[in-house]
Amino acid sequence: MGAHPVLRYLRSERPDLRADVVAGLPGAISSVPDGMACAVLVGVNPIHGLYASFAGPVAGGLTSSTRLMVITTTTAASLAAGSALERVEPGDRPDALVLLTIIAGVVMVLAGIARLGRYTRFVSHSVMIGFLTGISANIFFGQIPDLTGAQASGEFPLAKALDVVLHPSRIDVASLLAGLTALGILFGLSRTRLRAVSALVALVVPTAIVMIVGADSVARVEDVGQIPRGVPLPHLPSLGLLSFSLVTGALAVAAIVLVQGSGVAEAAPNRDATVSNPNRDFIAQGVGNLAAGFFRGQPVGGSVGQTALNQAVGGRTRWAAIFSGLWMLVILAAFSGVVGLVAMPTLAAVLVFAAAGSLRPGELRTILRTGPTSQIAIVSTFFATLFLPVAAAVGIGVTLSLLLQLNQGAMDLKVVELKPAGDGRWIEHPAPEVLSSHQTIVLDVYGSLLYAGSRTLGVHLPDPAGAEAPAVVLRLRGRTAVGATFVKVLADYAAALHAVGGRLYLSGVDHGLAELLRRTDRVDVSGPVRVFEASELVGESTAKALNEAETWAVGHRGDVPDR
């Protein structure tokens, strides 16, 4: 009798299990500074980042289809959460964070169930790079006050950074030295074997120095709030904090996490060559957020850095991510009391280093060289992220992606003339601007015929005005879905041909499209428009349409004298 399906699903071979237990420890250690730093971005006690670093990898690892994906705190999701909670009173922010995380988790689970994974491809690469670059810039500028120990004011991170620069007397020298020491350690260890623990070293060494020299002016984590000792217990959210801004913030977090998660899945393919399921990964990230929320954690998602580390240290199955969460639970039980002693400038240094490392100068150069459309997309999204709330920037980015998609589809449309070359072959020529009297022409179309593309088609079709009894064969092979705009353009062109005694023939028409045209009252397929459905033999219906069009043209040649 076989094993239970759940046991088969989670089962690992013993050698893999040992490797995954070992691989999980570096992930847990590196998650300590990462989780704390992400909580700083949200504006809450760093313990919430550590709680999420325990719950997210365990719950997400049990359900993801990308087996090495580590679902934990990310800077982008943290910044989005912080933006959503910006106007929440500090005392209510932890409970509001829990509610936001759970709402985001529900949205992600529903997105996966609704199979919305395919729609992530509609967010253009230019928009995503512009958004991520803006996120990196916000993180960098936003940490300048903590890095320097200066009090700063401003409505957005860049304004706060400028306030520090313009008032250098506010900088605390001890805090600045602690932050710069941490940055030096991070850069110094980044190319060594200690890279995986460099962030932890950057927290411990400067903090120890601060404690030894008695630099009381340097802020510590415990100044942000009391650090609970021991392991977290489940916690139900307070629905009294539910608001419109909280819901829109959760939607922004979900959008960011889902798109980033798709990128993580591409970068970490399964070792057995099975293809990742984006919808299942959506659900896994949603489950990770639900678990993080119920254990008082913050939003989590597929982490590029933690997943790369998981691969680098020898993770083999989903258990590597799960064990990183379980190791984090051990760290919380044994060392949670030490967390409060960490110097805040060192956390700022970790974030500044992460922001600098996430920049992609090569991709930025490539996008900026690919033309005005990509340039507009990346620059617009970057500045929207820099100066607007993250939820608004995400909305602008998604809208801009859709508009660029529609515009590109319309711009790429091309109409060509096909002339028979014998043996079922065709020669392609540029389409004429006007039709000639008593002549038959075959046209083919490249590009999208939805929305603006249909209107562009109407502009590029040869003008029948001035011609007498022209016949046009329009090849539509492969077009399975069209909209009302296309039907209108088709009806208008058929009417223009009919006005000069001409006729329109449609070839290669999909059966479903043919039925749609027959149902509509805009296109008279029994009169001035003739429809030839596609067959398995490519070009057969077009040849039939051309033959009938030429026969019709010959029959009507004498009806109207040539000009």
Protein backbone atom coordinates (compact mmCIF):
# COMPACT_ATOMS: atom_id res chain seq x y z
CA MET A 1 0.00 0.00 0.00
CA GLY A 2 1.44 3.37 -1.06
CA ALA A 3 2.22 6.31 1.16
CA HIS A 4 -0.32 8.99 1.80
CA PRO A 5 -0.29 11.67 -1.00
CA VAL A 6 0.74 14.40 1.45
CA LEU A 7 3.65 12.28 2.69
CA ARG A 8 4.74 11.54 -0.88
CA TYR A 9 4.51 15.26 -1.64
CA LEU A 10 6.78 16.26 1.25
CA ARG A 11 9.07 13.23 1.33
CA SER A 12 12.80 13.76 0.81
CA GLU A 13 15.56 11.24 0.31
CA ARG A 14 17.83 11.05 3.35
CA PRO A 15 20.92 12.55 1.66
CA ASP A 16 18.80 15.50 0.46
CA LEU A 17 17.29 15.94 3.91
CA ARG A 18 20.72 16.19 5.54
CA ALA A 19 21.85 18.71 2.93
CA ASP A 20 18.67 20.75 3.41
CA VAL A 21 19.07 20.85 7.21
CA VAL A 22 22.60 22.24 6.77
CA ALA A 23 21.53 24.64 3.99
CA GLY A 24 18.74 26.06 6.12
CA LEU A 25 21.08 27.40 8.81
CA PRO A 26 22.90 30.05 6.70
CA GLY A 27 19.53 31.17 5.40
CA ALA A 28 18.22 31.61 8.94
CA ILE A 29 21.35 33.47 10.07
CA SER A 30 21.23 35.87 7.12
CA SER A 31 17.51 36.38 7.72
CA VAL A 32 18.20 37.90 11.13
CA PRO A 33 19.60 41.20 9.79
CA ASP A 34 17.40 41.09 6.69
CA GLY A 35 14.20 40.58 8.68
CA MET A 36 15.08 43.26 11.22
CA ALA A 37 16.02 45.73 8.48
CA CYS A 38 12.78 45.10 6.59
CA ALA A 39 10.80 45.79 9.76
CA VAL A 40 12.64 49.11 10.05
CA LEU A 41 11.39 49.94 6.54
CA VAL A 42 7.83 49.29 7.67
CA GLY A 43 8.35 51.47 10.74
CA VAL A 44 7.66 48.78 13.36
CA ASN A 45 9.59 46.83 15.98
CA PRO A 46 12.24 44.67 14.23
CA ILE A 47 10.83 41.58 15.94
CA HIS A 48 7.97 41.58 13.40
CA GLY A 49 10.49 40.98 10.62
CA LEU A 50 11.97 38.05 12.53
CA TYR A 51 8.54 36.55 13.12
CA ALA A 52 7.84 36.76 9.39
CA SER A 53 11.24 35.17 8.65
CA PHE A 54 10.12 32.15 10.64
CA ALA A 55 6.52 31.74 9.46
CA GLY A 56 6.92 32.66 5.77
CA PRO A 57 9.58 30.10 4.79
CA VAL A 58 7.84 27.26 6.66
CA ALA A 59 4.30 27.82 5.34
CA GLY A 60 5.41 28.98 1.89
CA GLY A 61 7.96 26.20 1.52
CA LEU A 62 5.32 23.55 2.18
CA THR A 63 3.15 24.76 -0.71
CA SER A 64 5.34 26.33 -3.43
CA SER A 65 5.91 24.69 -6.81
CA THR A 66 9.32 26.34 -7.14
CA ARG A 67 10.98 24.12 -4.56
CA LEU A 68 14.02 26.26 -3.74
CA MET A 69 12.06 29.52 -3.50
CA VAL A 70 12.39 31.10 -0.06
CA ILE A 71 9.29 33.09 0.90
CA THR A 72 10.41 35.66 3.44
CA THR A 73 10.68 39.41 3.99
CA THR A 74 11.60 41.57 0.98
CA THR A 75 12.55 45.23 0.85
CA ALA A 76 10.01 46.08 -1.86
CA ALA A 77 7.08 44.54 0.03
CA SER A 78 8.28 46.16 3.26
CA LEU A 79 8.45 49.59 1.68
CA ALA A 80 4.94 49.11 0.28
CA ALA A 81 3.68 48.07 3.72
CA GLY A 82 5.39 51.05 5.34
CA SER A 83 3.79 53.39 2.81
CA ALA A 84 0.35 51.91 3.54
CA LEU A 85 0.83 52.36 7.31
CA GLU A 86 2.35 55.83 7.11
CA ARG A 87 -0.73 57.59 8.51
CA VAL A 88 -1.51 54.97 11.14
CA GLU A 89 -0.75 55.99 14.72
CA PRO A 90 2.52 54.37 15.96
CA GLY A 91 0.70 52.58 18.76
CA ASP A 92 -1.77 50.99 16.30
CA ARG A 93 0.79 50.20 13.62
CA PRO A 94 1.71 46.64 14.77
CA ASP A 95 -1.94 45.50 14.75
CA ALA A 96 -2.57 47.30 11.45
CA LEU A 97 0.48 45.54 9.99
CA VAL A 98 -0.88 42.15 10.98
CA LEU A 99 -4.21 42.95 9.32
CA LEU A 100 -2.51 44.25 6.17
CA THR A 101 -0.37 41.11 5.92
CA ILE A 102 -3.39 38.81 6.22
CA ILE A 103 -5.39 40.79 3.63
CA ALA A 104 -2.43 40.63 1.23
CA GLY A 105 -2.24 36.88 1.84
CA VAL A 106 -5.93 36.41 1.06
CA VAL A 107 -5.53 38.42 -2.17
CA MET A 108 -2.58 36.25 -3.25
CA VAL A 109 -4.40 33.00 -2.52
CA LEU A 110 -7.44 34.19 -4.49
CA ALA A 111 -5.20 35.30 -7.36
CA GLY A 112 -3.69 31.83 -7.51
CA ILE A 113 -7.08 30.09 -7.36
CA ALA A 114 -8.34 32.40 -10.15
CA ARG A 115 -5.25 31.46 -12.21
CA LEU A 116 -4.08 35.03 -12.65
CA GLY A 117 -0.43 34.02 -12.95
CA ARG A 118 -0.45 34.52 -16.70
CA TYR A 119 -1.24 38.22 -16.28
CA THR A 120 2.11 39.01 -14.66
CA ARG A 121 3.60 39.10 -18.16
CA PHE A 122 1.56 42.22 -18.92
CA VAL A 123 3.76 44.24 -16.56
CA SER A 124 6.52 45.34 -18.93
CA HIS A 125 10.16 44.81 -18.08
CA SER A 126 10.83 48.55 -18.40
CA VAL A 127 8.11 49.37 -15.87
CA MET A 128 9.31 46.72 -13.43
CA ILE A 129 12.96 47.85 -13.60
CA GLY A 130 11.86 51.46 -13.16
CA PHE A 131 9.80 50.48 -10.13
CA LEU A 132 12.55 48.39 -8.54
CA THR A 133 15.10 51.15 -9.17
CA GLY A 134 12.77 53.63 -7.49
CA ILE A 135 12.35 51.24 -4.55
CA SER A 136 16.14 50.98 -4.21
CA ALA A 137 16.49 54.76 -4.30
CA ASN A 138 13.77 55.16 -1.66
CA ILE A 139 15.47 52.63 0.61
CA PHE A 140 18.84 54.36 0.19
CA PHE A 141 17.53 57.88 0.86
CA GLY A 142 15.19 56.72 3.62
CA GLN A 143 18.04 55.23 5.67
CA ILE A 144 20.24 58.34 5.68
CA PRO A 145 18.71 59.65 8.96
CA ASP A 146 19.23 56.34 10.82
CA LEU A 147 22.69 55.89 9.31
CA THR A 148 23.79 59.30 10.57
CA GLY A 149 21.75 59.41 13.78
CA ALA A 150 20.14 62.66 12.63
CA GLN A 151 16.57 63.80 13.12
CA ALA A 152 15.03 64.54 9.71
CA SER A 153 11.71 65.76 8.39
CA GLY A 154 10.12 65.36 4.97
CA GLU A 155 7.14 63.82 3.23
CA PHE A 156 9.18 61.28 1.26
CA PRO A 157 12.62 59.61 1.64
CA LEU A 158 14.48 61.96 -0.73
CA ALA A 159 13.22 64.98 1.19
CA LYS A 160 14.42 63.45 4.48
CA ALA A 161 17.85 62.73 3.03
CA LEU A 162 18.14 66.31 1.73
CA ASP A 163 17.12 67.61 5.15
CA VAL A 164 20.06 65.75 6.71
CA VAL A 165 22.48 67.02 4.05
CA LEU A 166 21.30 70.61 4.49
CA HIS A 167 21.62 70.41 8.29
CA PRO A 168 24.89 68.55 8.92
CA SER A 169 25.05 69.79 12.51
CA ARG A 170 22.32 67.27 13.38
CA ILE A 171 24.55 64.30 12.49
CA ASP A 172 25.67 62.19 15.45
CA VAL A 173 29.32 61.31 14.86
CA ALA A 174 29.20 58.04 16.86
CA SER A 175 26.14 56.85 14.90
CA LEU A 176 27.75 57.78 11.59
CA LEU A 177 30.95 55.92 12.48
CA ALA A 178 28.95 52.83 13.51
CA GLY A 179 27.02 52.91 10.23
CA LEU A 180 30.15 53.43 8.11
CA THR A 181 31.91 50.60 9.95
CA ALA A 182 29.00 48.29 9.13
CA LEU A 183 29.10 49.38 5.47
CA GLY A 184 32.85 48.73 5.38
CA ILE A 185 32.33 45.21 6.71
CA LEU A 186 29.56 44.52 4.19
CA PHE A 187 31.65 45.67 1.22
CA GLY A 188 34.78 43.99 2.55
CA LEU A 189 33.16 40.58 3.02
CA SER A 190 30.98 40.72 -0.11
CA ARG A 191 33.62 38.94 -2.24
CA THR A 192 34.74 36.41 0.36
CA ARG A 193 33.47 33.08 1.65
CA LEU A 194 31.89 34.94 4.56
CA ARG A 195 29.49 36.75 2.26
CA ALA A 196 26.52 34.70 3.54
CA VAL A 197 27.07 35.95 7.11
CA SER A 198 28.43 39.41 6.25
CA ALA A 199 25.22 41.18 7.30
CA LEU A 200 25.26 39.44 10.69
CA VAL A 201 28.92 40.40 11.21
CA ALA A 202 28.05 43.97 10.21
CA LEU A 203 25.45 44.05 12.99
CA VAL A 204 27.51 42.40 15.71
CA VAL A 205 30.94 44.04 15.39
CA PRO A 206 29.89 47.75 15.33
CA THR A 207 27.28 47.09 18.02
CA ALA A 208 29.94 45.50 20.23
CA ILE A 209 32.22 48.49 19.68
CA VAL A 210 29.39 50.90 20.57
CA MET A 211 28.74 48.98 23.80
CA ILE A 212 32.45 48.82 24.72
CA VAL A 213 33.08 52.57 24.25
CA GLY A 214 29.75 53.46 25.87
CA ALA A 215 28.40 55.54 22.99
CA ASP A 216 24.98 56.19 24.50
CA SER A 217 24.00 58.60 21.71
CA VAL A 218 23.71 55.69 19.25
CA ALA A 219 20.13 54.46 18.99
CA ARG A 220 19.44 50.78 19.59
CA VAL A 221 16.66 48.45 18.45
CA GLU A 222 15.19 48.37 21.96
CA ASP A 223 14.62 52.13 21.67
CA VAL A 224 12.02 51.37 18.97
CA GLY A 225 10.04 49.09 21.26
CA GLN A 226 10.29 46.22 23.72
CA ILE A 227 11.61 42.98 22.24
CA PRO A 228 9.45 40.01 23.35
CA ARG A 229 11.41 36.98 24.48
CA GLY A 230 10.76 33.45 23.25
CA VAL A 231 8.84 32.07 20.30
CA PRO A 232 5.82 33.90 18.85
CA LEU A 233 2.29 32.70 19.52
CA PRO A 234 -0.67 32.94 17.10
CA HIS A 235 -2.43 36.30 17.17
CA LEU A 236 -5.75 37.37 15.68
CA PRO A 237 -5.90 40.80 13.99
CA SER A 238 -8.09 43.69 15.10
CA LEU A 239 -10.70 44.40 12.41
CA GLY A 240 -11.33 47.82 13.95
CA LEU A 241 -8.25 49.12 12.11
CA LEU A 242 -9.61 48.15 8.68
CA SER A 243 -9.59 51.11 6.28
CA PHE A 244 -9.59 51.86 2.55
CA SER A 245 -5.92 52.87 2.60
CA LEU A 246 -5.06 49.62 4.36
CA VAL A 247 -6.85 47.57 1.69
CA THR A 248 -5.23 49.47 -1.19
CA GLY A 249 -1.88 49.07 0.54
CA ALA A 250 -2.45 45.32 0.81
CA LEU A 251 -3.31 45.19 -2.90
CA ALA A 252 -0.07 47.04 -3.70
CA VAL A 253 1.90 44.58 -1.54
CA ALA A 254 0.22 41.64 -3.28
CA ALA A 255 0.98 43.03 -6.75
CA ILE A 256 4.64 43.61 -5.90
CA VAL A 257 5.08 40.20 -4.28
CA LEU A 258 3.40 38.32 -7.13
CA VAL A 259 5.44 39.95 -9.88
CA GLN A 260 8.69 39.54 -7.94
CA GLY A 261 7.81 35.93 -7.18
CA SER A 262 7.48 35.21 -10.90
CA GLY A 263 11.02 36.50 -11.38
CA VAL A 264 12.31 34.31 -8.55
CA ALA A 265 10.72 31.24 -10.13
CA GLU A 266 12.53 31.96 -13.41
CA ALA A 267 15.87 32.40 -11.61
CA ALA A 268 15.55 29.21 -9.53
CA PRO A 269 14.25 26.37 -11.76
CA ASN A 270 13.50 23.03 -10.16
CA ARG A 271 16.40 20.57 -10.11
CA ASP A 272 14.27 17.79 -11.63
CA ALA A 273 13.35 20.04 -14.60
CA THR A 274 9.66 20.18 -13.66
CA VAL A 275 8.12 23.50 -14.68
CA SER A 276 7.04 25.85 -11.90
CA ASN A 277 3.35 26.68 -11.70
CA PRO A 278 2.92 30.45 -11.21
CA ASN A 279 -0.59 30.05 -9.82
CA ARG A 280 0.58 27.56 -7.21
CA ASP A 281 3.44 29.90 -6.30
CA PHE A 282 0.85 32.66 -5.93
CA ILE A 283 -1.02 30.48 -3.46
CA ALA A 284 2.21 29.58 -1.64
CA GLN A 285 3.13 33.23 -1.17
CA GLY A 286 -0.41 33.91 0.03
CA VAL A 287 -0.19 31.05 2.54
CA GLY A 288 3.17 32.43 3.68
CA ASN A 289 1.59 35.83 4.32
CA LEU A 290 -1.35 34.32 6.17
CA ALA A 291 1.05 32.43 8.43
CA ALA A 292 3.24 35.51 8.90
CA GLY A 293 0.20 37.62 9.78
CA PHE A 294 -1.17 35.17 12.33
CA PHE A 295 2.25 35.04 13.99
CA ARG A 296 2.45 38.86 14.11
CA GLY A 297 4.83 39.11 11.19
CA GLN A 298 4.97 41.45 8.20
CA PRO A 299 4.40 40.79 4.47
CA VAL A 300 6.59 38.17 2.81
CA GLY A 301 7.23 37.07 -0.75
CA GLY A 302 9.64 35.17 -2.96
CA SER A 303 13.04 36.64 -2.07
CA VAL A 304 15.66 36.90 -4.81
CA GLY A 305 18.56 37.13 -2.35
CA GLN A 306 17.46 34.38 0.03
CA THR A 307 16.59 32.03 -2.85
CA ALA A 308 20.01 32.62 -4.43
CA LEU A 309 21.65 31.90 -1.05
CA ASN A 310 19.56 28.75 -0.71
CA GLN A 311 20.93 27.54 -4.04
CA ALA A 312 24.51 28.60 -3.26
CA VAL A 313 24.71 26.73 0.07
CA GLY A 314 23.45 23.47 -1.41
CA GLY A 315 19.69 23.46 -0.87
CA ARG A 316 18.17 20.56 -2.79
CA THR A 317 14.46 20.45 -2.00
CA ARG A 318 11.71 22.55 -0.48
CA TRP A 319 12.92 21.39 2.94
CA ALA A 320 15.90 23.76 2.75
CA ALA A 321 13.52 26.75 2.88
CA ILE A 322 11.40 25.07 5.55
CA PHE A 323 14.43 24.39 7.73
CA SER A 324 15.60 28.00 7.37
CA GLY A 325 12.30 28.98 9.02
CA LEU A 326 12.66 26.34 11.70
CA TRP A 327 16.24 27.44 12.44
CA MET A 328 14.91 30.99 12.77
CA LEU A 329 12.47 29.70 15.40
CA VAL A 330 15.44 28.27 17.33
CA ILE A 331 17.25 31.62 17.06
CA LEU A 332 14.16 33.44 18.36
CA ALA A 333 13.87 31.08 21.31
CA ALA A 334 17.55 31.39 22.26
CA PHE A 335 18.60 34.91 21.30
CA SER A 336 15.54 37.19 21.08
CA GLY A 337 16.78 39.09 24.13
CA VAL A 338 19.97 40.08 22.28
CA VAL A 339 18.08 41.66 19.39
CA GLY A 340 17.30 44.81 21.35
CA LEU A 341 21.01 45.64 21.74
CA VAL A 342 21.65 46.00 17.99
CA ALA A 343 22.69 49.52 16.95
CA MET A 344 20.17 51.11 14.57
CA PRO A 345 22.85 52.60 12.23
CA THR A 346 24.01 49.05 11.47
CA LEU A 347 20.51 48.08 10.28
CA ALA A 348 20.47 51.22 8.12
CA ALA A 349 23.82 50.14 6.67
CA VAL A 350 22.43 46.70 5.80
CA LEU A 351 19.55 48.34 3.94
CA VAL A 352 21.79 50.82 2.12
CA PHE A 353 24.06 47.98 1.01
CA ALA A 354 21.08 45.91 -0.14
CA ALA A 355 19.66 48.88 -2.06
CA ALA A 356 22.97 49.48 -3.83
CA GLY A 357 23.30 45.78 -4.65
CA SER A 358 19.82 45.55 -6.14
CA LEU A 359 20.53 48.17 -8.79
CA ARG A 360 20.94 46.76 -12.30
CA PRO A 361 23.03 49.27 -14.29
CA GLY A 362 23.41 46.92 -17.27
CA GLU A 363 19.66 46.50 -17.65
CA LEU A 364 19.11 50.22 -17.13
CA ARG A 365 21.50 51.02 -19.98
CA THR A 366 19.87 48.46 -22.25
CA ILE A 367 16.36 49.79 -21.59
CA LEU A 368 17.41 53.41 -22.09
CA ARG A 369 18.90 52.48 -25.48
CA THR A 370 15.86 50.59 -26.80
CA GLY A 371 13.78 53.60 -27.79
CA PRO A 372 11.37 56.26 -26.51
CA THR A 373 8.64 53.85 -25.41
CA SER A 374 10.95 52.03 -22.98
CA GLN A 375 12.51 55.31 -21.87
CA ILE A 376 9.13 56.82 -21.03
CA ALA A 377 8.12 53.67 -19.13
CA ILE A 378 11.21 53.40 -16.95
CA VAL A 379 11.57 57.13 -16.21
CA SER A 380 7.87 57.62 -15.43
CA THR A 381 7.70 54.62 -13.11
CA PHE A 382 10.96 55.58 -11.38
CA PHE A 383 9.79 59.10 -10.53
CA ALA A 384 6.31 57.89 -9.54
CA THR A 385 7.94 55.48 -7.08
CA LEU A 386 10.27 58.18 -5.81
CA PHE A 387 7.66 60.85 -5.07
CA LEU A 388 4.33 59.03 -4.64
CA PRO A 389 3.02 56.42 -2.19
CA VAL A 390 3.96 52.91 -3.28
CA ALA A 391 0.32 51.93 -3.90
CA ALA A 392 -0.06 54.84 -6.33
CA ALA A 393 3.24 54.01 -8.01
CA VAL A 394 2.17 50.38 -8.49
CA GLY A 395 -1.15 51.53 -10.00
CA ILE A 396 0.65 53.89 -12.35
CA GLY A 397 3.10 51.16 -13.33
CA VAL A 398 0.37 48.60 -14.11
CA THR A 399 -1.68 51.17 -16.04
CA LEU A 400 1.37 52.34 -17.94
CA SER A 401 2.23 48.74 -18.84
CA LEU A 402 -1.24 48.17 -20.29
CA LEU A 403 -1.18 51.46 -22.21
CA LEU A 404 2.24 50.69 -23.63
CA GLN A 405 1.06 47.22 -24.61
CA LEU A 406 -1.92 48.67 -26.46
CA ASN A 407 0.17 51.40 -28.05
CA GLN A 408 2.84 48.93 -29.16
CA GLY A 409 0.20 46.64 -30.64
CA ALA A 410 -1.22 49.53 -32.63
CA MET A 411 2.19 50.83 -33.73
CA ASP A 412 3.40 47.39 -34.85
CA LEU A 413 0.43 46.79 -37.17
CA LYS A 414 1.34 46.43 -40.84
CA VAL A 415 -0.77 45.79 -43.95
CA VAL A 416 0.89 44.11 -46.95
CA GLU A 417 -0.23 43.00 -50.40
CA LEU A 418 0.10 39.33 -51.39
CA LYS A 419 0.51 38.34 -55.06
CA PRO A 420 0.30 34.70 -56.16
CA ALA A 421 3.63 33.24 -57.31
CA GLY A 422 2.30 29.82 -58.35
CA ASP A 423 2.42 26.45 -56.57
CA GLY A 424 0.43 27.91 -53.67
CA ARG A 425 3.14 30.45 -52.83
CA TRP A 426 2.73 34.21 -52.41
CA ILE A 427 5.00 37.20 -52.91
CA GLU A 428 4.73 40.01 -50.36
CA HIS A 429 4.68 43.66 -51.48
CA PRO A 430 3.93 46.96 -49.72
CA ALA A 431 0.18 47.61 -49.74
CA PRO A 432 -0.95 50.43 -52.05
CA GLU A 433 -2.43 53.57 -50.54
CA VAL A 434 -5.41 53.59 -52.94
CA LEU A 435 -7.35 50.93 -54.81
CA SER A 436 -7.50 50.71 -58.60
CA SER A 437 -10.69 50.31 -60.59
CA HIS A 438 -11.80 46.81 -61.56
CA GLN A 439 -8.82 45.19 -59.86
CA THR A 440 -8.59 42.49 -57.23
CA ILE A 441 -6.06 42.75 -54.41
CA VAL A 442 -5.11 40.36 -51.57
CA LEU A 443 -4.12 41.95 -48.25
CA ASP A 444 -2.57 40.40 -45.14
CA VAL A 445 -2.20 41.99 -41.71
CA TYR A 446 0.58 41.75 -39.13
CA GLY A 447 -0.07 42.88 -35.57
CA SER A 448 -2.89 43.06 -33.06
CA LEU A 449 -6.44 43.80 -34.20
CA LEU A 450 -7.72 44.64 -30.73
CA TYR A 451 -8.70 48.17 -29.70
CA ALA A 452 -6.29 50.73 -31.17
CA GLY A 453 -4.86 48.11 -33.54
CA SER A 454 -8.21 47.89 -35.33
CA ARG A 455 -8.31 51.66 -35.80
CA THR A 456 -4.76 51.57 -37.13
CA LEU A 457 -5.90 48.89 -39.59
CA GLY A 458 -8.63 51.22 -40.81
CA VAL A 459 -6.02 53.90 -41.52
CA HIS A 460 -3.67 51.51 -43.39
CA LEU A 461 -6.25 49.82 -45.61
CA PRO A 462 -6.07 51.09 -49.22
CA ASP A 463 -8.58 53.90 -49.88
CA PRO A 464 -11.40 52.84 -52.26
CA ALA A 465 -12.47 56.44 -52.97
CA GLY A 466 -12.20 57.22 -56.68
CA ALA A 467 -12.01 53.58 -57.76
CA GLU A 468 -14.74 51.65 -59.53
CA ALA A 469 -15.78 48.10 -58.60
CA PRO A 470 -12.58 47.08 -56.76
CA ALA A 471 -12.40 43.70 -54.99
CA VAL A 472 -10.38 43.27 -51.77
CA VAL A 473 -9.44 39.93 -50.20
CA LEU A 474 -8.45 40.43 -46.56
CA ARG A 475 -6.59 37.46 -45.07
CA LEU A 476 -7.40 36.85 -41.37
CA ARG A 477 -5.83 33.47 -40.72
CA GLY A 478 -4.96 32.93 -37.05
CA ARG A 479 -7.32 35.63 -35.77
CA THR A 480 -9.45 33.89 -33.19
CA ALA A 481 -10.66 36.86 -31.16
CA VAL A 482 -11.64 40.36 -32.21
CA GLY A 483 -13.55 43.17 -30.56
CA ALA A 484 -16.35 45.53 -31.43
CA THR A 485 -13.84 48.08 -32.79
CA PHE A 486 -12.63 45.60 -35.41
CA VAL A 487 -16.21 44.79 -36.44
CA LYS A 488 -16.92 48.51 -36.86
CA VAL A 489 -13.75 49.08 -38.92
CA LEU A 490 -14.64 46.07 -41.10
CA ALA A 491 -18.22 47.28 -41.58
CA ASP A 492 -17.08 50.81 -42.48
CA TYR A 493 -14.57 49.52 -45.02
CA ALA A 494 -17.12 47.15 -46.56
CA ALA A 495 -19.54 50.08 -46.83
CA ALA A 496 -16.86 52.24 -48.49
CA LEU A 497 -16.19 49.48 -51.03
CA HIS A 498 -19.90 48.97 -51.63
CA ALA A 499 -20.34 52.71 -52.30
CA VAL A 500 -18.02 52.46 -55.31
CA GLY A 501 -19.47 49.16 -56.49
CA GLY A 502 -16.76 47.03 -54.86
CA ARG A 503 -16.78 43.99 -52.62
CA LEU A 504 -14.87 42.68 -49.59
CA TYR A 505 -13.78 39.06 -49.19
CA LEU A 506 -12.50 37.64 -45.89
CA SER A 507 -10.26 34.54 -46.10
CA GLY A 508 -8.66 32.25 -43.56
CA VAL A 509 -11.43 33.07 -41.10
CA ASP A 510 -11.61 30.98 -37.92
CA HIS A 511 -14.97 29.21 -37.53
CA GLY A 512 -15.74 31.00 -34.27
CA LEU A 513 -14.94 34.37 -35.82
CA ALA A 514 -17.09 33.53 -38.83
CA GLU A 515 -20.02 32.76 -36.54
CA LEU A 516 -19.48 36.04 -34.69
CA LEU A 517 -19.55 38.00 -37.96
CA ARG A 518 -22.72 36.22 -39.02
CA ARG A 519 -24.41 37.09 -35.72
CA THR A 520 -23.59 40.78 -35.85
CA ASP A 521 -25.82 43.13 -37.80
CA ARG A 522 -22.90 45.42 -38.73
CA VAL A 523 -21.35 43.14 -41.38
CA ASP A 524 -23.60 41.69 -44.11
CA VAL A 525 -21.78 38.45 -44.88
CA SER A 526 -24.45 37.44 -47.38
CA GLY A 527 -24.00 40.52 -49.55
CA PRO A 528 -21.05 42.91 -49.94
CA VAL A 529 -18.90 40.80 -47.59
CA ARG A 530 -18.04 37.18 -48.35
CA VAL A 531 -16.44 34.89 -45.75
CA PHE A 532 -14.14 31.94 -46.51
CA GLU A 533 -13.35 29.85 -43.47
CA ALA A 534 -9.82 28.55 -42.91
CA SER A 535 -8.93 24.97 -43.75
CA GLU A 536 -6.00 22.79 -42.70
CA LEU A 537 -4.20 23.67 -45.94
CA VAL A 538 -2.61 27.09 -45.49
CA GLY A 539 -3.55 29.46 -48.30
CA GLU A 540 -6.41 27.33 -49.62
CA SER A 541 -9.23 29.65 -48.49
CA THR A 542 -7.33 32.73 -49.73
CA ALA A 543 -6.87 31.13 -53.16
CA LYS A 544 -10.61 30.36 -53.29
CA ALA A 545 -11.49 33.90 -52.22
CA LEU A 546 -9.15 35.37 -54.85
CA ASN A 547 -10.61 33.16 -57.56
CA GLU A 548 -14.18 34.17 -56.71
CA ALA A 549 -13.19 37.85 -56.41
CA GLU A 550 -11.54 37.81 -59.84
CA THR A 551 -14.57 36.05 -61.35
CA TRP A 552 -16.85 38.67 -59.79
CA ALA A 553 -14.62 41.50 -61.04
CA VAL A 554 -14.69 40.13 -64.60
CA GLY A 555 -18.46 39.87 -64.46
CA HIS A 556 -18.79 43.49 -63.34
CA ARG A 557 -16.12 44.98 -65.59
CA GLY A 558 -18.64 46.08 -68.15
CA ASP A 559 -21.18 47.49 -65.73
CA VAL A 560 -19.30 50.75 -65.25
CA PRO A 561 -17.08 52.19 -67.96
CA ASP A 562 -13.41 52.59 -67.13
CA ARG A 563 -12.21 56.08 -66.40
